[in-house]
Structures are given as C-alpha cells and as structure tokens.
Amino acid sequence: MLLDDIINDIYPLPIGSLKKLQDIVTEVIYPKGYLLLEADKIERSLYFIKKGIARAYSNLKDTEITFWFGTEGETIISMRSYIEDKKGYENIELLEDCTLYEMNTNDLKQLFESDIHITNWGRKLAEKELIKTEERMINREFRTASDRYHELMLEQPQLLKRVQLGYIASYLGITQVSLSRIRAERR
C-alpha cells in the first residue's frame, strides 16, 4: 500500500504538509517473527504496514493473549508511548516478512508545532486508533466467540489464510478446539 494513501486515509493533507510527513518516513523491512514493539518499553516510532501482517499480544501468566491483527495499510503504534511518553503494554510481532513505513514520534511531534494540518492529522490518527480499541473491547465483552469469528470472516477473511489458528483462537478468546467446532458449524 502506498504511503500517501495511508496518510490521506487518516486525514487528507495539503501537498506541502504531506511532503513534510513523507520527509520523516523511512521504509524498513523486517523478517517474520521479528518483535517490532515490546511491552514495558517506551516506543519512539510508529509504523504503517506497506506489506505483511502483524499481531499484538500481551503475556498473562505463561500465556500469550492476542488482541489485534494488522494488515496492509494499518497503523502499528503504542498509544501509551505516543500520547504519554510512557512504557507500552503490548508486544507487536510480525507474522510475515514485512515492509513498513517508520515514523519517529519525536520528529512527528516537532511537525505538530509548526503545521496545523499535521497536528489535525495526528489528532485524527489517535481518534481512529481509540475507536478501533473501543470496538475490540466491546466485541470481546458483549459478543459470542461464534459471532466474533463470523465478523472476522466477513471483515478480514485474509487472516484465516495468513495467520496460525492458535493466534486466531487466542484473539477470539477461545481454545483451538472451540475454534475448530465453530468452523465446522459455519461450513
């Protein structure tokens, strides 16, 4: 996915502001299995996925709980580090070889000081990420695993082909046995 499309999908920018953002972005490539963000660390970069897939997870006792998948065009960010400059909660692991657009958050915050369009873009970025988080929380709390699986099939069918079933089961908050049963019922 092209950087301009990702940026303007968040909030359309005038050409001059778009150029300023492009100037602080670096394209990076990391292999499958790479831990891009780590819990309990202050993260100084945010990323946009050009190509590939990632997952966010937290450790609970000796178990990894997957709570997010990101694919092409999506943002990878530790909101706590971005907003409060504090250690994040999540680990972000790349599930495929990934090409990412990396943006240093300190460089971005400097642009906020000089360009109101970029400031508004940053606000819209945070708002959109907040809404995604709220939707995930509401889905997890108030919808059945079967309903969440059906929604995943409709909204992100590529995940079922690109992600291990164990991660999908964790994301849905169920065991792999329960996931197999739900999949069999849906056929």
N, C-alpha and C. Protein backbone atom coordinates (compact mmCIF):
# COMPACT_ATOMS: atom_id res chain seq x y z
N MET A 1 0.85 -1.17 0.00
CA MET A 1 0.00 0.00 0.00
C MET A 1 0.90 1.24 0.00
N LEU A 2 0.50 2.24 -0.70
CA LEU A 2 1.31 3.45 -0.83
C LEU A 2 1.19 4.34 0.40
N LEU A 3 2.29 4.97 0.78
CA LEU A 3 2.32 5.84 1.95
C LEU A 3 1.32 6.98 1.84
N ASP A 4 1.24 7.62 0.68
CA ASP A 4 0.30 8.74 0.51
C ASP A 4 -1.14 8.30 0.77
N ASP A 5 -1.49 7.11 0.32
CA ASP A 5 -2.85 6.61 0.52
C ASP A 5 -3.12 6.37 2.01
N ILE A 6 -2.14 5.81 2.70
CA ILE A 6 -2.31 5.55 4.14
C ILE A 6 -2.47 6.87 4.89
N ILE A 7 -1.60 7.82 4.62
CA ILE A 7 -1.66 9.12 5.31
C ILE A 7 -2.97 9.82 5.04
N ASN A 8 -3.36 9.91 3.78
CA ASN A 8 -4.58 10.64 3.43
C ASN A 8 -5.85 9.91 3.83
N ASP A 9 -5.77 8.60 4.05
CA ASP A 9 -6.92 7.87 4.56
C ASP A 9 -7.18 8.24 6.02
N ILE A 10 -6.15 8.58 6.75
CA ILE A 10 -6.31 9.02 8.14
C ILE A 10 -6.93 10.41 8.17
N TYR A 11 -6.38 11.31 7.36
CA TYR A 11 -6.86 12.69 7.28
C TYR A 11 -6.20 13.33 6.07
N PRO A 12 -6.98 13.75 5.09
CA PRO A 12 -6.38 14.33 3.87
C PRO A 12 -5.55 15.58 4.19
N LEU A 13 -4.37 15.64 3.61
CA LEU A 13 -3.45 16.74 3.85
C LEU A 13 -3.18 17.53 2.57
N PRO A 14 -2.93 18.84 2.72
CA PRO A 14 -2.45 19.61 1.57
C PRO A 14 -1.07 19.07 1.14
N ILE A 15 -0.72 19.29 -0.10
CA ILE A 15 0.53 18.76 -0.67
C ILE A 15 1.75 19.13 0.19
N GLY A 16 1.86 20.37 0.63
CA GLY A 16 3.02 20.79 1.42
C GLY A 16 3.13 20.04 2.73
N SER A 17 2.02 19.82 3.41
CA SER A 17 2.02 19.09 4.68
C SER A 17 2.32 17.61 4.45
N LEU A 18 1.76 17.07 3.38
CA LEU A 18 2.02 15.67 3.03
C LEU A 18 3.52 15.47 2.79
N LYS A 19 4.14 16.40 2.10
CA LYS A 19 5.58 16.32 1.82
C LYS A 19 6.39 16.33 3.11
N LYS A 20 6.00 17.18 4.07
CA LYS A 20 6.70 17.22 5.36
C LYS A 20 6.62 15.87 6.08
N LEU A 21 5.45 15.24 6.03
CA LEU A 21 5.32 13.92 6.66
C LEU A 21 6.14 12.88 5.92
N GLN A 22 6.09 12.92 4.58
CA GLN A 22 6.88 11.97 3.80
C GLN A 22 8.37 12.07 4.13
N ASP A 23 8.82 13.28 4.41
CA ASP A 23 10.24 13.51 4.69
C ASP A 23 10.73 12.87 5.99
N ILE A 24 9.81 12.55 6.91
CA ILE A 24 10.24 11.93 8.17
C ILE A 24 9.95 10.43 8.21
N VAL A 25 9.57 9.88 7.06
CA VAL A 25 9.25 8.46 6.97
C VAL A 25 10.40 7.71 6.30
N THR A 26 10.68 6.54 6.86
CA THR A 26 11.68 5.64 6.29
C THR A 26 11.02 4.30 6.02
N GLU A 27 11.29 3.71 4.88
CA GLU A 27 10.78 2.37 4.60
C GLU A 27 11.76 1.36 5.17
N VAL A 28 11.23 0.40 5.95
CA VAL A 28 12.06 -0.61 6.60
C VAL A 28 11.49 -2.00 6.30
N ILE A 29 12.35 -2.99 6.35
CA ILE A 29 11.94 -4.37 6.11
C ILE A 29 12.43 -5.23 7.28
N TYR A 30 11.51 -6.04 7.83
CA TYR A 30 11.85 -6.93 8.93
C TYR A 30 11.32 -8.32 8.62
N PRO A 31 11.99 -9.36 9.15
CA PRO A 31 11.57 -10.73 8.85
C PRO A 31 10.40 -11.21 9.71
N LYS A 32 9.77 -12.25 9.24
CA LYS A 32 8.74 -12.94 10.01
C LYS A 32 9.30 -13.31 11.38
N GLY A 33 8.50 -13.10 12.42
CA GLY A 33 8.93 -13.44 13.77
C GLY A 33 9.60 -12.30 14.52
N TYR A 34 9.89 -11.21 13.83
CA TYR A 34 10.57 -10.07 14.46
C TYR A 34 9.63 -9.39 15.46
N LEU A 35 10.16 -9.08 16.64
CA LEU A 35 9.39 -8.38 17.66
C LEU A 35 9.62 -6.88 17.46
N LEU A 36 8.64 -6.23 16.87
CA LEU A 36 8.77 -4.82 16.47
C LEU A 36 8.61 -3.88 17.66
N LEU A 37 7.63 -4.12 18.50
CA LEU A 37 7.40 -3.33 19.71
C LEU A 37 7.40 -4.28 20.90
N GLU A 38 7.92 -3.81 22.01
CA GLU A 38 7.99 -4.63 23.20
C GLU A 38 7.26 -3.97 24.35
N ALA A 39 6.52 -4.78 25.11
CA ALA A 39 5.85 -4.29 26.32
C ALA A 39 6.91 -3.80 27.30
N ASP A 40 6.51 -2.85 28.11
CA ASP A 40 7.38 -2.29 29.15
C ASP A 40 8.56 -1.52 28.60
N LYS A 41 8.41 -1.03 27.36
CA LYS A 41 9.41 -0.14 26.76
C LYS A 41 8.71 1.08 26.19
N ILE A 42 9.39 2.22 26.25
CA ILE A 42 8.87 3.41 25.58
C ILE A 42 9.24 3.29 24.11
N GLU A 43 8.24 3.30 23.26
CA GLU A 43 8.48 3.17 21.83
C GLU A 43 8.58 4.55 21.20
N ARG A 44 9.58 4.76 20.37
CA ARG A 44 9.83 6.07 19.76
C ARG A 44 9.43 6.14 18.30
N SER A 45 8.82 5.07 17.79
CA SER A 45 8.40 5.05 16.39
C SER A 45 6.98 4.53 16.29
N LEU A 46 6.32 4.96 15.24
CA LEU A 46 5.07 4.33 14.84
C LEU A 46 5.29 3.85 13.42
N TYR A 47 4.47 2.90 13.00
CA TYR A 47 4.66 2.25 11.71
C TYR A 47 3.32 2.14 10.98
N PHE A 48 3.42 2.08 9.66
CA PHE A 48 2.29 1.75 8.82
C PHE A 48 2.71 0.54 8.00
N ILE A 49 1.81 -0.41 7.85
CA ILE A 49 2.14 -1.65 7.14
C ILE A 49 1.95 -1.44 5.64
N LYS A 50 3.06 -1.50 4.93
CA LYS A 50 3.01 -1.46 3.46
C LYS A 50 2.67 -2.86 2.94
N LYS A 51 3.35 -3.86 3.50
CA LYS A 51 3.14 -5.24 3.08
C LYS A 51 3.42 -6.15 4.27
N GLY A 52 2.48 -7.06 4.53
CA GLY A 52 2.69 -8.02 5.60
C GLY A 52 1.57 -7.98 6.62
N ILE A 53 1.80 -8.71 7.71
CA ILE A 53 0.81 -8.82 8.77
C ILE A 53 1.51 -8.89 10.12
N ALA A 54 0.87 -8.32 11.13
CA ALA A 54 1.43 -8.30 12.48
C ALA A 54 0.33 -8.63 13.48
N ARG A 55 0.76 -8.98 14.68
CA ARG A 55 -0.21 -9.21 15.76
C ARG A 55 0.29 -8.51 17.02
N ALA A 56 -0.68 -8.06 17.81
CA ALA A 56 -0.37 -7.51 19.13
C ALA A 56 -0.80 -8.53 20.16
N TYR A 57 0.05 -8.70 21.18
CA TYR A 57 -0.30 -9.63 22.24
C TYR A 57 0.29 -9.15 23.56
N SER A 58 -0.28 -9.67 24.62
CA SER A 58 0.24 -9.44 25.97
C SER A 58 0.42 -10.79 26.62
N ASN A 59 1.31 -10.84 27.58
CA ASN A 59 1.54 -12.07 28.32
C ASN A 59 0.71 -12.06 29.59
N LEU A 60 -0.02 -13.14 29.82
CA LEU A 60 -0.80 -13.33 31.03
C LEU A 60 -0.36 -14.65 31.63
N LYS A 61 0.36 -14.56 32.73
CA LYS A 61 0.99 -15.72 33.33
C LYS A 61 1.93 -16.32 32.29
N ASP A 62 1.68 -17.53 31.86
CA ASP A 62 2.56 -18.14 30.85
C ASP A 62 1.87 -18.24 29.49
N THR A 63 0.86 -17.40 29.27
CA THR A 63 0.08 -17.47 28.04
C THR A 63 0.14 -16.13 27.30
N GLU A 64 0.28 -16.22 25.99
CA GLU A 64 0.19 -15.03 25.15
C GLU A 64 -1.27 -14.84 24.73
N ILE A 65 -1.79 -13.65 24.96
CA ILE A 65 -3.16 -13.32 24.56
C ILE A 65 -3.09 -12.35 23.38
N THR A 66 -3.49 -12.82 22.21
CA THR A 66 -3.52 -11.99 21.01
C THR A 66 -4.78 -11.13 21.04
N PHE A 67 -4.61 -9.82 20.82
CA PHE A 67 -5.79 -8.95 20.85
C PHE A 67 -5.92 -8.06 19.62
N TRP A 68 -5.01 -8.18 18.65
CA TRP A 68 -5.10 -7.34 17.46
C TRP A 68 -4.29 -7.97 16.35
N PHE A 69 -4.79 -7.84 15.13
CA PHE A 69 -4.05 -8.18 13.91
C PHE A 69 -4.03 -6.94 13.03
N GLY A 70 -2.90 -6.68 12.41
CA GLY A 70 -2.79 -5.57 11.47
C GLY A 70 -2.31 -6.08 10.12
N THR A 71 -2.95 -5.56 9.08
CA THR A 71 -2.57 -5.92 7.71
C THR A 71 -2.26 -4.64 6.94
N GLU A 72 -2.06 -4.80 5.66
CA GLU A 72 -1.66 -3.69 4.80
C GLU A 72 -2.52 -2.45 5.03
N GLY A 73 -1.83 -1.32 5.22
CA GLY A 73 -2.49 -0.04 5.41
C GLY A 73 -2.75 0.33 6.85
N GLU A 74 -2.56 -0.61 7.76
CA GLU A 74 -2.88 -0.33 9.17
C GLU A 74 -1.67 0.24 9.91
N THR A 75 -2.01 0.87 11.03
CA THR A 75 -1.02 1.53 11.89
C THR A 75 -0.56 0.59 12.98
N ILE A 76 0.73 0.59 13.25
CA ILE A 76 1.30 -0.11 14.40
C ILE A 76 1.82 0.97 15.33
N ILE A 77 1.23 1.02 16.52
CA ILE A 77 1.57 2.10 17.44
C ILE A 77 1.35 1.66 18.88
N SER A 78 2.21 2.12 19.76
CA SER A 78 1.95 2.00 21.19
C SER A 78 1.34 3.34 21.60
N MET A 79 0.03 3.34 21.80
CA MET A 79 -0.65 4.61 22.12
C MET A 79 -0.14 5.22 23.42
N ARG A 80 0.19 4.39 24.38
CA ARG A 80 0.68 4.93 25.66
C ARG A 80 2.01 5.64 25.45
N SER A 81 2.89 5.08 24.66
CA SER A 81 4.16 5.74 24.37
C SER A 81 3.94 7.00 23.54
N TYR A 82 3.05 6.93 22.56
CA TYR A 82 2.77 8.04 21.66
C TYR A 82 2.18 9.24 22.40
N ILE A 83 1.21 8.98 23.26
CA ILE A 83 0.49 10.06 23.93
C ILE A 83 1.17 10.50 25.22
N GLU A 84 1.58 9.53 26.05
CA GLU A 84 2.09 9.87 27.37
C GLU A 84 3.60 9.73 27.53
N ASP A 85 4.27 9.24 26.49
CA ASP A 85 5.70 9.00 26.56
C ASP A 85 6.04 8.05 27.72
N LYS A 86 5.21 7.01 27.84
CA LYS A 86 5.39 6.00 28.88
C LYS A 86 5.51 4.63 28.25
N LYS A 87 5.94 3.67 29.05
CA LYS A 87 6.10 2.31 28.59
C LYS A 87 4.77 1.73 28.13
N GLY A 88 4.81 1.02 26.99
CA GLY A 88 3.61 0.43 26.43
C GLY A 88 3.25 -0.88 27.08
N TYR A 89 2.05 -1.34 26.76
CA TYR A 89 1.52 -2.58 27.31
C TYR A 89 1.74 -3.78 26.40
N GLU A 90 1.91 -3.53 25.11
CA GLU A 90 1.80 -4.59 24.12
C GLU A 90 3.13 -4.99 23.49
N ASN A 91 3.13 -6.22 22.99
CA ASN A 91 4.19 -6.71 22.12
C ASN A 91 3.58 -6.76 20.72
N ILE A 92 4.38 -6.39 19.72
CA ILE A 92 3.93 -6.50 18.33
C ILE A 92 4.92 -7.40 17.60
N GLU A 93 4.40 -8.52 17.12
CA GLU A 93 5.22 -9.50 16.40
C GLU A 93 4.79 -9.52 14.94
N LEU A 94 5.77 -9.61 14.05
CA LEU A 94 5.48 -9.71 12.62
C LEU A 94 5.22 -11.17 12.27
N LEU A 95 4.10 -11.45 11.64
CA LEU A 95 3.71 -12.81 11.29
C LEU A 95 4.12 -13.20 9.88
N GLU A 96 4.59 -12.23 9.13
CA GLU A 96 5.15 -12.46 7.79
C GLU A 96 6.35 -11.53 7.64
N ASP A 97 7.16 -11.76 6.64
CA ASP A 97 8.16 -10.75 6.28
C ASP A 97 7.38 -9.48 5.98
N CYS A 98 7.81 -8.36 6.55
CA CYS A 98 7.03 -7.13 6.43
C CYS A 98 7.85 -5.97 5.89
N THR A 99 7.22 -5.18 5.05
CA THR A 99 7.74 -3.89 4.63
C THR A 99 6.86 -2.85 5.32
N LEU A 100 7.51 -1.96 6.07
CA LEU A 100 6.80 -0.98 6.88
C LEU A 100 7.29 0.42 6.58
N TYR A 101 6.44 1.38 6.84
CA TYR A 101 6.83 2.79 6.83
C TYR A 101 7.03 3.18 8.29
N GLU A 102 8.22 3.63 8.63
CA GLU A 102 8.53 4.00 10.01
C GLU A 102 8.58 5.52 10.15
N MET A 103 7.96 6.01 11.22
CA MET A 103 7.94 7.44 11.51
C MET A 103 8.36 7.63 12.98
N ASN A 104 9.40 8.41 13.19
CA ASN A 104 9.84 8.73 14.55
C ASN A 104 8.84 9.68 15.19
N THR A 105 8.35 9.32 16.38
CA THR A 105 7.32 10.13 17.01
C THR A 105 7.84 11.49 17.47
N ASN A 106 9.09 11.61 17.81
CA ASN A 106 9.63 12.92 18.18
C ASN A 106 9.66 13.86 16.98
N ASP A 107 10.04 13.32 15.81
CA ASP A 107 10.00 14.12 14.58
C ASP A 107 8.57 14.56 14.26
N LEU A 108 7.63 13.64 14.46
CA LEU A 108 6.23 13.96 14.20
C LEU A 108 5.74 15.07 15.15
N LYS A 109 6.09 14.95 16.41
CA LYS A 109 5.65 15.97 17.38
C LYS A 109 6.26 17.33 17.08
N GLN A 110 7.45 17.37 16.52
CA GLN A 110 8.03 18.65 16.09
C GLN A 110 7.20 19.26 14.96
N LEU A 111 6.72 18.41 14.05
CA LEU A 111 5.87 18.91 12.97
C LEU A 111 4.54 19.43 13.50
N PHE A 112 4.05 18.83 14.59
CA PHE A 112 2.81 19.33 15.20
C PHE A 112 2.96 20.80 15.60
N GLU A 113 4.17 21.18 15.99
CA GLU A 113 4.41 22.55 16.46
C GLU A 113 4.38 23.58 15.32
N SER A 114 4.58 23.13 14.10
CA SER A 114 4.72 24.08 13.00
C SER A 114 3.66 23.97 11.90
N ASP A 115 2.84 22.93 11.93
CA ASP A 115 1.89 22.72 10.84
C ASP A 115 0.56 22.25 11.39
N ILE A 116 -0.45 23.11 11.38
CA ILE A 116 -1.77 22.79 11.93
C ILE A 116 -2.42 21.61 11.21
N HIS A 117 -2.14 21.44 9.92
CA HIS A 117 -2.72 20.33 9.17
C HIS A 117 -2.16 19.01 9.70
N ILE A 118 -0.87 18.98 9.99
CA ILE A 118 -0.26 17.77 10.53
C ILE A 118 -0.73 17.54 11.97
N THR A 119 -0.93 18.62 12.72
CA THR A 119 -1.49 18.49 14.07
C THR A 119 -2.86 17.84 14.01
N ASN A 120 -3.70 18.29 13.09
CA ASN A 120 -5.02 17.69 12.93
C ASN A 120 -4.93 16.25 12.46
N TRP A 121 -3.97 15.97 11.60
CA TRP A 121 -3.74 14.60 11.15
C TRP A 121 -3.39 13.71 12.35
N GLY A 122 -2.51 14.18 13.23
CA GLY A 122 -2.13 13.42 14.42
C GLY A 122 -3.31 13.19 15.35
N ARG A 123 -4.17 14.18 15.47
CA ARG A 123 -5.38 14.03 16.30
C ARG A 123 -6.29 12.97 15.70
N LYS A 124 -6.49 13.01 14.37
CA LYS A 124 -7.35 12.02 13.71
C LYS A 124 -6.76 10.61 13.83
N LEU A 125 -5.44 10.50 13.73
CA LEU A 125 -4.78 9.21 13.91
C LEU A 125 -5.12 8.65 15.29
N ALA A 126 -4.96 9.45 16.33
CA ALA A 126 -5.25 9.00 17.70
C ALA A 126 -6.73 8.65 17.86
N GLU A 127 -7.61 9.46 17.28
CA GLU A 127 -9.05 9.20 17.39
C GLU A 127 -9.41 7.88 16.72
N LYS A 128 -8.88 7.64 15.54
CA LYS A 128 -9.19 6.40 14.83
C LYS A 128 -8.67 5.17 15.59
N GLU A 129 -7.47 5.29 16.17
CA GLU A 129 -6.92 4.17 16.95
C GLU A 129 -7.75 3.94 18.21
N LEU A 130 -8.24 5.00 18.83
CA LEU A 130 -9.10 4.87 20.01
C LEU A 130 -10.40 4.15 19.66
N ILE A 131 -11.00 4.52 18.55
CA ILE A 131 -12.24 3.87 18.13
C ILE A 131 -12.02 2.39 17.86
N LYS A 132 -10.90 2.04 17.20
CA LYS A 132 -10.60 0.62 16.95
C LYS A 132 -10.47 -0.14 18.26
N THR A 133 -9.80 0.46 19.23
CA THR A 133 -9.62 -0.18 20.53
C THR A 133 -10.97 -0.37 21.23
N GLU A 134 -11.80 0.65 21.17
CA GLU A 134 -13.12 0.57 21.79
C GLU A 134 -13.96 -0.54 21.13
N GLU A 135 -13.92 -0.62 19.81
CA GLU A 135 -14.66 -1.67 19.10
C GLU A 135 -14.19 -3.06 19.49
N ARG A 136 -12.86 -3.24 19.61
CA ARG A 136 -12.34 -4.54 20.02
C ARG A 136 -12.81 -4.89 21.42
N MET A 137 -12.79 -3.94 22.34
CA MET A 137 -13.21 -4.18 23.71
C MET A 137 -14.69 -4.55 23.77
N ILE A 138 -15.52 -3.80 23.08
CA ILE A 138 -16.96 -4.07 23.09
C ILE A 138 -17.25 -5.44 22.48
N ASN A 139 -16.61 -5.75 21.35
CA ASN A 139 -16.80 -7.06 20.72
C ASN A 139 -16.42 -8.19 21.66
N ARG A 140 -15.30 -8.04 22.34
CA ARG A 140 -14.81 -9.11 23.23
C ARG A 140 -15.73 -9.29 24.43
N GLU A 141 -16.29 -8.21 24.92
CA GLU A 141 -17.12 -8.28 26.11
C GLU A 141 -18.56 -8.70 25.84
N PHE A 142 -19.11 -8.31 24.70
CA PHE A 142 -20.55 -8.45 24.50
C PHE A 142 -20.97 -9.36 23.35
N ARG A 143 -20.03 -9.91 22.63
CA ARG A 143 -20.40 -10.78 21.51
C ARG A 143 -19.85 -12.18 21.76
N THR A 144 -20.54 -13.17 21.23
CA THR A 144 -20.08 -14.54 21.40
C THR A 144 -18.86 -14.80 20.52
N ALA A 145 -18.13 -15.83 20.86
CA ALA A 145 -16.97 -16.20 20.05
C ALA A 145 -17.39 -16.55 18.62
N SER A 146 -18.52 -17.20 18.49
CA SER A 146 -19.02 -17.55 17.16
C SER A 146 -19.33 -16.29 16.35
N ASP A 147 -19.95 -15.31 16.98
CA ASP A 147 -20.24 -14.04 16.29
C ASP A 147 -18.95 -13.31 15.92
N ARG A 148 -17.97 -13.33 16.82
CA ARG A 148 -16.69 -12.65 16.54
C ARG A 148 -15.96 -13.34 15.38
N TYR A 149 -16.04 -14.68 15.33
CA TYR A 149 -15.43 -15.42 14.23
C TYR A 149 -16.12 -15.07 12.92
N HIS A 150 -17.45 -15.04 12.93
CA HIS A 150 -18.20 -14.70 11.72
C HIS A 150 -17.83 -13.29 11.23
N GLU A 151 -17.72 -12.35 12.14
CA GLU A 151 -17.32 -10.99 11.78
C GLU A 151 -15.91 -10.96 11.20
N LEU A 152 -15.02 -11.73 11.79
CA LEU A 152 -13.65 -11.83 11.27
C LEU A 152 -13.65 -12.38 9.85
N MET A 153 -14.48 -13.39 9.59
CA MET A 153 -14.59 -13.96 8.24
C MET A 153 -15.08 -12.92 7.24
N LEU A 154 -16.00 -12.08 7.67
CA LEU A 154 -16.57 -11.07 6.77
C LEU A 154 -15.63 -9.89 6.55
N GLU A 155 -15.00 -9.41 7.62
CA GLU A 155 -14.22 -8.18 7.55
C GLU A 155 -12.75 -8.40 7.21
N GLN A 156 -12.18 -9.53 7.62
CA GLN A 156 -10.77 -9.79 7.36
C GLN A 156 -10.55 -11.25 6.98
N PRO A 157 -11.17 -11.70 5.89
CA PRO A 157 -11.06 -13.13 5.54
C PRO A 157 -9.62 -13.57 5.25
N GLN A 158 -8.75 -12.64 4.85
CA GLN A 158 -7.37 -12.99 4.56
C GLN A 158 -6.63 -13.49 5.81
N LEU A 159 -7.09 -13.09 6.99
CA LEU A 159 -6.44 -13.54 8.23
C LEU A 159 -6.52 -15.05 8.37
N LEU A 160 -7.63 -15.62 7.95
CA LEU A 160 -7.82 -17.06 8.10
C LEU A 160 -6.85 -17.86 7.25
N LYS A 161 -6.31 -17.23 6.21
CA LYS A 161 -5.33 -17.89 5.35
C LYS A 161 -3.90 -17.57 5.75
N ARG A 162 -3.70 -16.44 6.45
CA ARG A 162 -2.34 -15.95 6.71
C ARG A 162 -1.88 -16.08 8.16
N VAL A 163 -2.79 -16.43 9.07
CA VAL A 163 -2.47 -16.44 10.49
C VAL A 163 -2.72 -17.83 11.07
N GLN A 164 -1.83 -18.26 11.95
CA GLN A 164 -1.98 -19.54 12.63
C GLN A 164 -3.31 -19.58 13.39
N LEU A 165 -3.96 -20.73 13.37
CA LEU A 165 -5.24 -20.86 14.05
C LEU A 165 -5.13 -20.63 15.55
N GLY A 166 -3.98 -20.96 16.14
CA GLY A 166 -3.79 -20.72 17.57
C GLY A 166 -3.88 -19.24 17.91
N TYR A 167 -3.34 -18.39 17.05
CA TYR A 167 -3.43 -16.95 17.27
C TYR A 167 -4.86 -16.45 17.09
N ILE A 168 -5.57 -17.01 16.11
CA ILE A 168 -6.96 -16.61 15.89
C ILE A 168 -7.82 -17.04 17.08
N ALA A 169 -7.60 -18.25 17.58
CA ALA A 169 -8.34 -18.71 18.76
C ALA A 169 -8.07 -17.77 19.95
N SER A 170 -6.83 -17.42 20.16
CA SER A 170 -6.48 -16.50 21.25
C SER A 170 -7.17 -15.16 21.06
N TYR A 171 -7.17 -14.64 19.85
CA TYR A 171 -7.82 -13.38 19.52
C TYR A 171 -9.32 -13.44 19.85
N LEU A 172 -9.93 -14.58 19.57
CA LEU A 172 -11.36 -14.76 19.83
C LEU A 172 -11.65 -15.08 21.30
N GLY A 173 -10.60 -15.38 22.06
CA GLY A 173 -10.77 -15.69 23.48
C GLY A 173 -11.25 -17.10 23.74
N ILE A 174 -10.87 -18.02 22.84
CA ILE A 174 -11.31 -19.42 22.97
C ILE A 174 -10.13 -20.35 22.72
N THR A 175 -10.36 -21.64 22.95
CA THR A 175 -9.34 -22.64 22.66
C THR A 175 -9.37 -23.02 21.18
N GLN A 176 -8.33 -23.69 20.72
CA GLN A 176 -8.32 -24.15 19.34
C GLN A 176 -9.40 -25.19 19.09
N VAL A 177 -9.72 -26.00 20.11
CA VAL A 177 -10.79 -26.99 19.97
C VAL A 177 -12.12 -26.28 19.74
N SER A 178 -12.38 -25.23 20.51
CA SER A 178 -13.62 -24.46 20.33
C SER A 178 -13.65 -23.80 18.95
N LEU A 179 -12.50 -23.29 18.51
CA LEU A 179 -12.43 -22.68 17.18
C LEU A 179 -12.75 -23.72 16.11
N SER A 180 -12.21 -24.92 16.24
CA SER A 180 -12.50 -25.98 15.27
C SER A 180 -13.99 -26.29 15.23
N ARG A 181 -14.63 -26.31 16.39
CA ARG A 181 -16.06 -26.58 16.47
C ARG A 181 -16.85 -25.46 15.77
N ILE A 182 -16.49 -24.21 16.03
CA ILE A 182 -17.16 -23.07 15.40
C ILE A 182 -16.99 -23.11 13.89
N ARG A 183 -15.78 -23.43 13.44
CA ARG A 183 -15.52 -23.51 12.00
C ARG A 183 -16.33 -24.61 11.35
N ALA A 184 -16.48 -25.74 12.04
CA ALA A 184 -17.26 -26.85 11.50
C ALA A 184 -18.74 -26.48 11.40
N GLU A 185 -19.24 -25.74 12.40
CA GLU A 185 -20.64 -25.31 12.39
C GLU A 185 -20.91 -24.31 11.27
N ARG A 186 -19.92 -23.52 10.90
CA ARG A 186 -20.09 -22.47 9.88
C ARG A 186 -20.02 -23.01 8.47
N ARG A 187 -19.58 -24.24 8.30
CA ARG A 187 -19.43 -24.81 6.94
C ARG A 187 -20.72 -25.24 6.37
